[in-house]
Amino acid sequence: MSDFASNATAKSDTNDVPHSMLHLLAAYKLNDKFLVQRASIDDLAEILAIYNQSIAGKQATANLTPVTSEEREAWFEEHLNSATRPIYVVRMVDIVGIVGIDSAKQKECSPIVAWGSFSDLYARPAYHISSGISIYLHKDYHGQGLGSLLLCWMLNQAPSLEIHNLIALIFAHNQPSLGLFRKIGFEQWGYMPRVCDMDGFIADVVMLGKTVIPDDIVDSL
């Protein structure tokens, strides 16, 4: 797991970047090939392009038709404005990684190849210690270990976001995703049979969970 947690910041001149923005602009190395950073306001179209790629296969999402930027603007702004429920985007190392780089140039040079998000598990205050987790990869980057890299990196960020438990809802027929999350240490916390009408078949959903802050540590805080 240590290879996945290589979070050295990319070197750059940050003198002209407001201190309050550094945590949003900074890019972190996943490995020698990929960088990860928090999503910026210009990233929605690329994020949705990757998300919409997954719809036709009916394995990764319960949406049955592509979504538009207009439909997801409120969702995206909520994540951008949240200190504890960010969206992360992954880009290539060789063409991006400078903190403070012009956002238009960054978008032009380095398309997003994957993204992941933390989301509220349930809209009640007591659930604030638990979060849903989702990751999506561009179709050209499947099978390269990127899913494991991003998932492990997000697990390492969770405690700093005051997240104690992570929950992934995955279709029972999505064996690649179930295998990925289980490989990283997620366990089955629930099973919901026949809960999704996928327009051609009825799908079961598996709830996988992982505690990232053990109870004994929480009790000592």
C-alpha atoms as a PDB file:
ATOM      1  CA  MET A   1       0.000   0.000   0.000  1.00  0.00           C
ATOM      2  CA  SER A   2       2.937   2.366   0.486  1.00  0.00           C
ATOM      3  CA  ASP A   3       3.305   2.828  -3.269  1.00  0.00           C
ATOM      4  CA  PHE A   4      -0.283   4.080  -3.421  1.00  0.00           C
ATOM      5  CA  ALA A   5       0.267   6.641  -0.687  1.00  0.00           C
ATOM      6  CA  SER A   6       3.070   8.578  -2.342  1.00  0.00           C
ATOM      7  CA  ASN A   7       1.637  12.055  -1.868  1.00  0.00           C
ATOM      8  CA  ALA A   8       4.616  14.298  -2.554  1.00  0.00           C
ATOM      9  CA  THR A   9       3.466  17.669  -3.858  1.00  0.00           C
ATOM     10  CA  ALA A  10       4.565  18.818  -7.270  1.00  0.00           C
ATOM     11  CA  LYS A  11       7.191  21.571  -7.050  1.00  0.00           C
ATOM     12  CA  SER A  12       6.257  25.025  -8.257  1.00  0.00           C
ATOM     13  CA  ASP A  13       6.335  28.718  -7.469  1.00  0.00           C
ATOM     14  CA  THR A  14       3.285  29.439  -5.302  1.00  0.00           C
ATOM     15  CA  ASN A  15       4.145  33.031  -4.370  1.00  0.00           C
ATOM     16  CA  ASP A  16       1.295  34.463  -6.439  1.00  0.00           C
ATOM     17  CA  VAL A  17      -1.313  31.977  -5.244  1.00  0.00           C
ATOM     18  CA  PRO A  18      -3.468  32.999  -2.238  1.00  0.00           C
ATOM     19  CA  HIS A  19      -2.710  30.791   0.741  1.00  0.00           C
ATOM     20  CA  SER A  20      -6.385  29.907   1.126  1.00  0.00           C
ATOM     21  CA  MET A  21      -6.380  28.397  -2.383  1.00  0.00           C
ATOM     22  CA  LEU A  22      -3.263  26.251  -2.171  1.00  0.00           C
ATOM     23  CA  HIS A  23      -5.104  23.156  -0.932  1.00  0.00           C
ATOM     24  CA  LEU A  24      -7.448  23.422  -3.913  1.00  0.00           C
ATOM     25  CA  LEU A  25      -4.769  23.951  -6.572  1.00  0.00           C
ATOM     26  CA  ALA A  26      -2.073  21.596  -5.345  1.00  0.00           C
ATOM     27  CA  ALA A  27      -1.452  18.426  -7.345  1.00  0.00           C
ATOM     28  CA  TYR A  28      -0.181  15.238  -5.689  1.00  0.00           C
ATOM     29  CA  LYS A  29       1.624  12.351  -7.298  1.00  0.00           C
ATOM     30  CA  LEU A  30      -0.143   8.995  -7.279  1.00  0.00           C
ATOM     31  CA  ASN A  31       2.876   7.488  -9.024  1.00  0.00           C
ATOM     32  CA  ASP A  32       5.251   8.465 -11.829  1.00  0.00           C
ATOM     33  CA  LYS A  33       2.377   8.556 -14.306  1.00  0.00           C
ATOM     34  CA  PHE A  34      -0.618  10.154 -12.594  1.00  0.00           C
ATOM     35  CA  LEU A  35      -1.389  13.216 -10.479  1.00  0.00           C
ATOM     36  CA  VAL A  36      -4.485  13.910  -8.405  1.00  0.00           C
ATOM     37  CA  GLN A  37      -5.983  17.197  -7.239  1.00  0.00           C
ATOM     38  CA  ARG A  38      -9.274  18.637  -6.095  1.00  0.00           C
ATOM     39  CA  ALA A  39     -11.674  19.457  -8.898  1.00  0.00           C
ATOM     40  CA  SER A  40     -11.922  23.059 -10.054  1.00  0.00           C
ATOM     41  CA  ILE A  41     -14.866  24.992 -11.444  1.00  0.00           C
ATOM     42  CA  ASP A  42     -13.823  24.234 -15.052  1.00  0.00           C
ATOM     43  CA  ASP A  43     -13.802  20.441 -14.662  1.00  0.00           C
ATOM     44  CA  LEU A  44     -17.501  19.578 -14.746  1.00  0.00           C
ATOM     45  CA  ALA A  45     -17.760  18.822 -18.478  1.00  0.00           C
ATOM     46  CA  GLU A  46     -14.845  16.381 -18.411  1.00  0.00           C
ATOM     47  CA  ILE A  47     -16.081  14.741 -15.215  1.00  0.00           C
ATOM     48  CA  LEU A  48     -19.478  14.147 -16.782  1.00  0.00           C
ATOM     49  CA  ALA A  49     -17.941  12.880 -20.018  1.00  0.00           C
ATOM     50  CA  ILE A  50     -16.249  10.088 -18.060  1.00  0.00           C
ATOM     51  CA  TYR A  51     -19.387   9.441 -16.028  1.00  0.00           C
ATOM     52  CA  ASN A  52     -21.549   9.233 -19.148  1.00  0.00           C
ATOM     53  CA  GLN A  53     -19.166   6.666 -20.665  1.00  0.00           C
ATOM     54  CA  SER A  54     -20.186   4.286 -17.880  1.00  0.00           C
ATOM     55  CA  ILE A  55     -23.945   4.507 -18.414  1.00  0.00           C
ATOM     56  CA  ALA A  56     -24.360   2.292 -21.488  1.00  0.00           C
ATOM     57  CA  GLY A  57     -22.685  -0.680 -19.790  1.00  0.00           C
ATOM     58  CA  LYS A  58     -25.217  -0.638 -16.928  1.00  0.00           C
ATOM     59  CA  GLN A  59     -22.579  -1.675 -14.399  1.00  0.00           C
ATOM     60  CA  ALA A  60     -21.368   1.473 -12.677  1.00  0.00           C
ATOM     61  CA  THR A  61     -24.413   3.705 -12.233  1.00  0.00           C
ATOM     62  CA  ALA A  62     -28.192   3.533 -11.966  1.00  0.00           C
ATOM     63  CA  ASN A  63     -28.583   6.414 -14.420  1.00  0.00           C
ATOM     64  CA  LEU A  64     -29.916   5.065 -17.704  1.00  0.00           C
ATOM     65  CA  THR A  65     -29.383   8.107 -19.939  1.00  0.00           C
ATOM     66  CA  PRO A  66     -26.490  10.586 -20.159  1.00  0.00           C
ATOM     67  CA  VAL A  67     -26.582  13.519 -17.769  1.00  0.00           C
ATOM     68  CA  THR A  68     -25.944  17.141 -18.732  1.00  0.00           C
ATOM     69  CA  SER A  69     -23.911  19.878 -17.106  1.00  0.00           C
ATOM     70  CA  GLU A  70     -27.102  21.800 -16.390  1.00  0.00           C
ATOM     71  CA  GLU A  71     -28.549  18.823 -14.514  1.00  0.00           C
ATOM     72  CA  ARG A  72     -25.423  18.420 -12.379  1.00  0.00           C
ATOM     73  CA  GLU A  73     -24.430  22.034 -11.703  1.00  0.00           C
ATOM     74  CA  ALA A  74     -25.952  22.124  -8.222  1.00  0.00           C
ATOM     75  CA  TRP A  75     -24.355  18.763  -7.328  1.00  0.00           C
ATOM     76  CA  PHE A  76     -20.973  19.976  -8.566  1.00  0.00           C
ATOM     77  CA  GLU A  77     -21.132  23.323  -6.764  1.00  0.00           C
ATOM     78  CA  GLU A  78     -22.067  21.572  -3.532  1.00  0.00           C
ATOM     79  CA  HIS A  79     -18.917  19.455  -3.752  1.00  0.00           C
ATOM     80  CA  LEU A  80     -16.729  22.413  -4.719  1.00  0.00           C
ATOM     81  CA  ASN A  81     -17.976  24.383  -1.720  1.00  0.00           C
ATOM     82  CA  SER A  82     -17.660  21.518   0.756  1.00  0.00           C
ATOM     83  CA  ALA A  83     -14.602  21.181   2.968  1.00  0.00           C
ATOM     84  CA  THR A  84     -15.293  17.512   3.694  1.00  0.00           C
ATOM     85  CA  ARG A  85     -16.953  16.110   0.539  1.00  0.00           C
ATOM     86  CA  PRO A  86     -14.558  16.919  -2.310  1.00  0.00           C
ATOM     87  CA  ILE A  87     -14.294  15.637  -5.854  1.00  0.00           C
ATOM     88  CA  TYR A  88     -10.790  14.641  -6.962  1.00  0.00           C
ATOM     89  CA  VAL A  89      -9.596  14.524 -10.569  1.00  0.00           C
ATOM     90  CA  VAL A  90      -6.645  12.591 -11.981  1.00  0.00           C
ATOM     91  CA  ARG A  91      -4.401  13.868 -14.783  1.00  0.00           C
ATOM     92  CA  MET A  92      -1.188  12.719 -16.418  1.00  0.00           C
ATOM     93  CA  VAL A  93       2.120  13.588 -14.721  1.00  0.00           C
ATOM     94  CA  ASP A  94       4.051  14.530 -17.845  1.00  0.00           C
ATOM     95  CA  ILE A  95       1.760  17.376 -18.873  1.00  0.00           C
ATOM     96  CA  VAL A  96       0.462  18.873 -15.657  1.00  0.00           C
ATOM     97  CA  GLY A  97       1.420  19.257 -12.020  1.00  0.00           C
ATOM     98  CA  ILE A  98       2.376  22.885 -11.509  1.00  0.00           C
ATOM     99  CA  VAL A  99       0.541  24.557  -8.642  1.00  0.00           C
ATOM    100  CA  GLY A 100      -1.017  27.773  -9.886  1.00  0.00           C
ATOM    101  CA  ILE A 101      -0.938  26.795 -13.567  1.00  0.00           C
ATOM    102  CA  ASP A 102      -3.489  28.669 -15.653  1.00  0.00           C
ATOM    103  CA  SER A 103      -6.697  26.600 -15.474  1.00  0.00           C
ATOM    104  CA  ALA A 104      -7.533  27.013 -19.175  1.00  0.00           C
ATOM    105  CA  LYS A 105      -4.040  25.862 -20.177  1.00  0.00           C
ATOM    106  CA  GLN A 106      -4.246  22.974 -17.724  1.00  0.00           C
ATOM    107  CA  LYS A 107      -7.527  21.799 -19.218  1.00  0.00           C
ATOM    108  CA  GLU A 108      -6.147  22.111 -22.750  1.00  0.00           C
ATOM    109  CA  CYS A 109      -2.956  20.174 -22.005  1.00  0.00           C
ATOM    110  CA  SER A 110      -4.042  17.489 -19.600  1.00  0.00           C
ATOM    111  CA  PRO A 111      -7.490  15.940 -19.898  1.00  0.00           C
ATOM    112  CA  ILE A 112      -8.971  14.274 -16.842  1.00  0.00           C
ATOM    113  CA  VAL A 113      -8.508  10.499 -16.964  1.00  0.00           C
ATOM    114  CA  ALA A 114     -10.356   9.599 -13.740  1.00  0.00           C
ATOM    115  CA  TRP A 115     -12.224  11.142 -10.869  1.00  0.00           C
ATOM    116  CA  GLY A 116     -13.550  10.211  -7.463  1.00  0.00           C
ATOM    117  CA  SER A 117     -15.860  11.764  -4.908  1.00  0.00           C
ATOM    118  CA  PHE A 118     -16.917  11.634  -1.295  1.00  0.00           C
ATOM    119  CA  SER A 119     -20.656  12.158  -0.815  1.00  0.00           C
ATOM    120  CA  ASP A 120     -23.027  12.430   2.125  1.00  0.00           C
ATOM    121  CA  LEU A 121     -24.318   8.998   3.029  1.00  0.00           C
ATOM    122  CA  TYR A 122     -27.614  10.383   4.314  1.00  0.00           C
ATOM    123  CA  ALA A 123     -28.878  13.933   4.804  1.00  0.00           C
ATOM    124  CA  ARG A 124     -29.019  13.799   8.585  1.00  0.00           C
ATOM    125  CA  PRO A 125     -26.411  15.431  10.876  1.00  0.00           C
ATOM    126  CA  ALA A 126     -25.513  12.276  12.797  1.00  0.00           C
ATOM    127  CA  TYR A 127     -24.260  10.627   9.593  1.00  0.00           C
ATOM    128  CA  HIS A 128     -21.484  13.198   9.152  1.00  0.00           C
ATOM    129  CA  ILE A 129     -18.814  10.654  10.159  1.00  0.00           C
ATOM    130  CA  SER A 130     -19.741   8.360   7.250  1.00  0.00           C
ATOM    131  CA  SER A 131     -19.390   9.023   3.547  1.00  0.00           C
ATOM    132  CA  GLY A 132     -20.174   7.391   0.261  1.00  0.00           C
ATOM    133  CA  ILE A 133     -17.232   6.925  -2.077  1.00  0.00           C
ATOM    134  CA  SER A 134     -17.291   6.635  -5.876  1.00  0.00           C
ATOM    135  CA  ILE A 135     -14.614   6.470  -8.564  1.00  0.00           C
ATOM    136  CA  TYR A 136     -14.895   6.591 -12.349  1.00  0.00           C
ATOM    137  CA  LEU A 137     -12.157   5.960 -14.924  1.00  0.00           C
ATOM    138  CA  HIS A 138     -11.967   7.001 -18.548  1.00  0.00           C
ATOM    139  CA  LYS A 139     -12.477   3.913 -20.695  1.00  0.00           C
ATOM    140  CA  ASP A 140      -8.944   4.189 -22.137  1.00  0.00           C
ATOM    141  CA  TYR A 141      -7.404   3.892 -18.663  1.00  0.00           C
ATOM    142  CA  HIS A 142      -9.072   0.739 -17.394  1.00  0.00           C
ATOM    143  CA  GLY A 143      -6.761  -2.118 -16.454  1.00  0.00           C
ATOM    144  CA  GLN A 144      -3.750   0.070 -15.619  1.00  0.00           C
ATOM    145  CA  GLY A 145      -4.043   0.005 -11.836  1.00  0.00           C
ATOM    146  CA  LEU A 146      -5.394   3.550 -11.754  1.00  0.00           C
ATOM    147  CA  GLY A 147      -8.536   2.550  -9.857  1.00  0.00           C
ATOM    148  CA  SER A 148      -6.467   1.081  -7.026  1.00  0.00           C
ATOM    149  CA  LEU A 149      -4.203   4.127  -6.916  1.00  0.00           C
ATOM    150  CA  LEU A 150      -7.075   6.587  -6.702  1.00  0.00           C
ATOM    151  CA  LEU A 151      -9.079   4.532  -4.227  1.00  0.00           C
ATOM    152  CA  CYS A 152      -6.122   4.087  -1.871  1.00  0.00           C
ATOM    153  CA  TRP A 153      -5.237   7.755  -2.086  1.00  0.00           C
ATOM    154  CA  MET A 154      -8.794   8.738  -1.203  1.00  0.00           C
ATOM    155  CA  LEU A 155      -8.760   6.362   1.762  1.00  0.00           C
ATOM    156  CA  ASN A 156      -5.667   8.158   3.025  1.00  0.00           C
ATOM    157  CA  GLN A 157      -7.426  11.532   2.745  1.00  0.00           C
ATOM    158  CA  ALA A 158     -10.580  10.446   4.579  1.00  0.00           C
ATOM    159  CA  PRO A 159      -9.375  10.929   8.189  1.00  0.00           C
ATOM    160  CA  SER A 160      -8.329  14.534   7.477  1.00  0.00           C
ATOM    161  CA  LEU A 161     -11.872  15.134   6.187  1.00  0.00           C
ATOM    162  CA  GLU A 162     -13.330  13.806   9.466  1.00  0.00           C
ATOM    163  CA  ILE A 163     -14.636  10.705   7.688  1.00  0.00           C
ATOM    164  CA  HIS A 164     -14.627   7.575   9.849  1.00  0.00           C
ATOM    165  CA  ASN A 165     -16.470   5.137   7.596  1.00  0.00           C
ATOM    166  CA  LEU A 166     -16.602   4.746   3.834  1.00  0.00           C
ATOM    167  CA  ILE A 167     -19.474   3.059   2.008  1.00  0.00           C
ATOM    168  CA  ALA A 168     -19.631   2.005  -1.640  1.00  0.00           C
ATOM    169  CA  LEU A 169     -22.858   0.890  -3.292  1.00  0.00           C
ATOM    170  CA  ILE A 170     -21.979  -1.443  -6.167  1.00  0.00           C
ATOM    171  CA  PHE A 171     -24.125  -3.561  -8.449  1.00  0.00           C
ATOM    172  CA  ALA A 172     -23.819  -7.265  -7.633  1.00  0.00           C
ATOM    173  CA  HIS A 173     -23.085  -7.957 -11.321  1.00  0.00           C
ATOM    174  CA  ASN A 174     -20.185  -5.460 -11.357  1.00  0.00           C
ATOM    175  CA  GLN A 175     -17.521  -7.980 -10.426  1.00  0.00           C
ATOM    176  CA  PRO A 176     -14.503  -5.798 -11.396  1.00  0.00           C
ATOM    177  CA  SER A 177     -15.558  -3.026  -9.001  1.00  0.00           C
ATOM    178  CA  LEU A 178     -16.439  -5.466  -6.221  1.00  0.00           C
ATOM    179  CA  GLY A 179     -13.030  -7.071  -6.639  1.00  0.00           C
ATOM    180  CA  LEU A 180     -11.248  -3.709  -6.553  1.00  0.00           C
ATOM    181  CA  PHE A 181     -12.911  -2.504  -3.368  1.00  0.00           C
ATOM    182  CA  ARG A 182     -12.501  -5.850  -1.631  1.00  0.00           C
ATOM    183  CA  LYS A 183      -8.825  -5.911  -2.556  1.00  0.00           C
ATOM    184  CA  ILE A 184      -8.415  -2.588  -0.753  1.00  0.00           C
ATOM    185  CA  GLY A 185     -10.059  -3.981   2.384  1.00  0.00           C
ATOM    186  CA  PHE A 186     -13.759  -3.167   2.000  1.00  0.00           C
ATOM    187  CA  GLU A 187     -16.149  -5.749   3.432  1.00  0.00           C
ATOM    188  CA  GLN A 188     -19.795  -6.483   2.742  1.00  0.00           C
ATOM    189  CA  TRP A 189     -21.996  -4.467   5.089  1.00  0.00           C
ATOM    190  CA  GLY A 190     -25.283  -5.101   3.350  1.00  0.00           C
ATOM    191  CA  TYR A 191     -27.101  -6.591   0.377  1.00  0.00           C
ATOM    192  CA  MET A 192     -30.174  -5.185  -1.357  1.00  0.00           C
ATOM    193  CA  PRO A 193     -31.800  -7.682  -3.726  1.00  0.00           C
ATOM    194  CA  ARG A 194     -33.696  -6.576  -6.818  1.00  0.00           C
ATOM    195  CA  VAL A 195     -33.708  -2.857  -6.037  1.00  0.00           C
ATOM    196  CA  CYS A 196     -32.817  -1.383  -9.461  1.00  0.00           C
ATOM    197  CA  ASP A 197     -34.779  -1.605 -12.699  1.00  0.00           C
ATOM    198  CA  MET A 198     -32.015  -1.367 -15.305  1.00  0.00           C
ATOM    199  CA  ASP A 199     -34.385  -1.310 -18.291  1.00  0.00           C
ATOM    200  CA  GLY A 200     -33.869  -4.912 -19.317  1.00  0.00           C
ATOM    201  CA  PHE A 201     -32.996  -6.602 -16.054  1.00  0.00           C
ATOM    202  CA  ILE A 202     -33.413  -6.157 -12.305  1.00  0.00           C
ATOM    203  CA  ALA A 203     -30.186  -5.570 -10.394  1.00  0.00           C
ATOM    204  CA  ASP A 204     -29.059  -6.316  -6.853  1.00  0.00           C
ATOM    205  CA  VAL A 205     -26.857  -3.825  -4.999  1.00  0.00           C
ATOM    206  CA  VAL A 206     -24.040  -4.701  -2.600  1.00  0.00           C
ATOM    207  CA  MET A 207     -23.076  -2.329   0.202  1.00  0.00           C
ATOM    208  CA  LEU A 208     -19.351  -2.493   0.894  1.00  0.00           C
ATOM    209  CA  GLY A 209     -17.848  -0.606   3.818  1.00  0.00           C
ATOM    210  CA  LYS A 210     -14.537   0.153   5.454  1.00  0.00           C
ATOM    211  CA  THR A 211     -13.724   1.902   8.722  1.00  0.00           C
ATOM    212  CA  VAL A 212     -10.831   4.329   8.279  1.00  0.00           C
ATOM    213  CA  ILE A 213     -10.771   5.629  11.866  1.00  0.00           C
ATOM    214  CA  PRO A 214     -11.020   2.741  14.356  1.00  0.00           C
ATOM    215  CA  ASP A 215     -13.443   3.219  17.232  1.00  0.00           C
ATOM    216  CA  ASP A 216     -10.679   3.106  19.827  1.00  0.00           C
ATOM    217  CA  ILE A 217      -8.929   6.040  18.138  1.00  0.00           C
ATOM    218  CA  VAL A 218     -12.165   8.009  17.868  1.00  0.00           C
ATOM    219  CA  ASP A 219     -12.925   7.453  21.559  1.00  0.00           C
ATOM    220  CA  SER A 220      -9.531   8.861  22.541  1.00  0.00           C
ATOM    221  CA  LEU A 221      -9.904  12.130  20.598  1.00  0.00           C
END
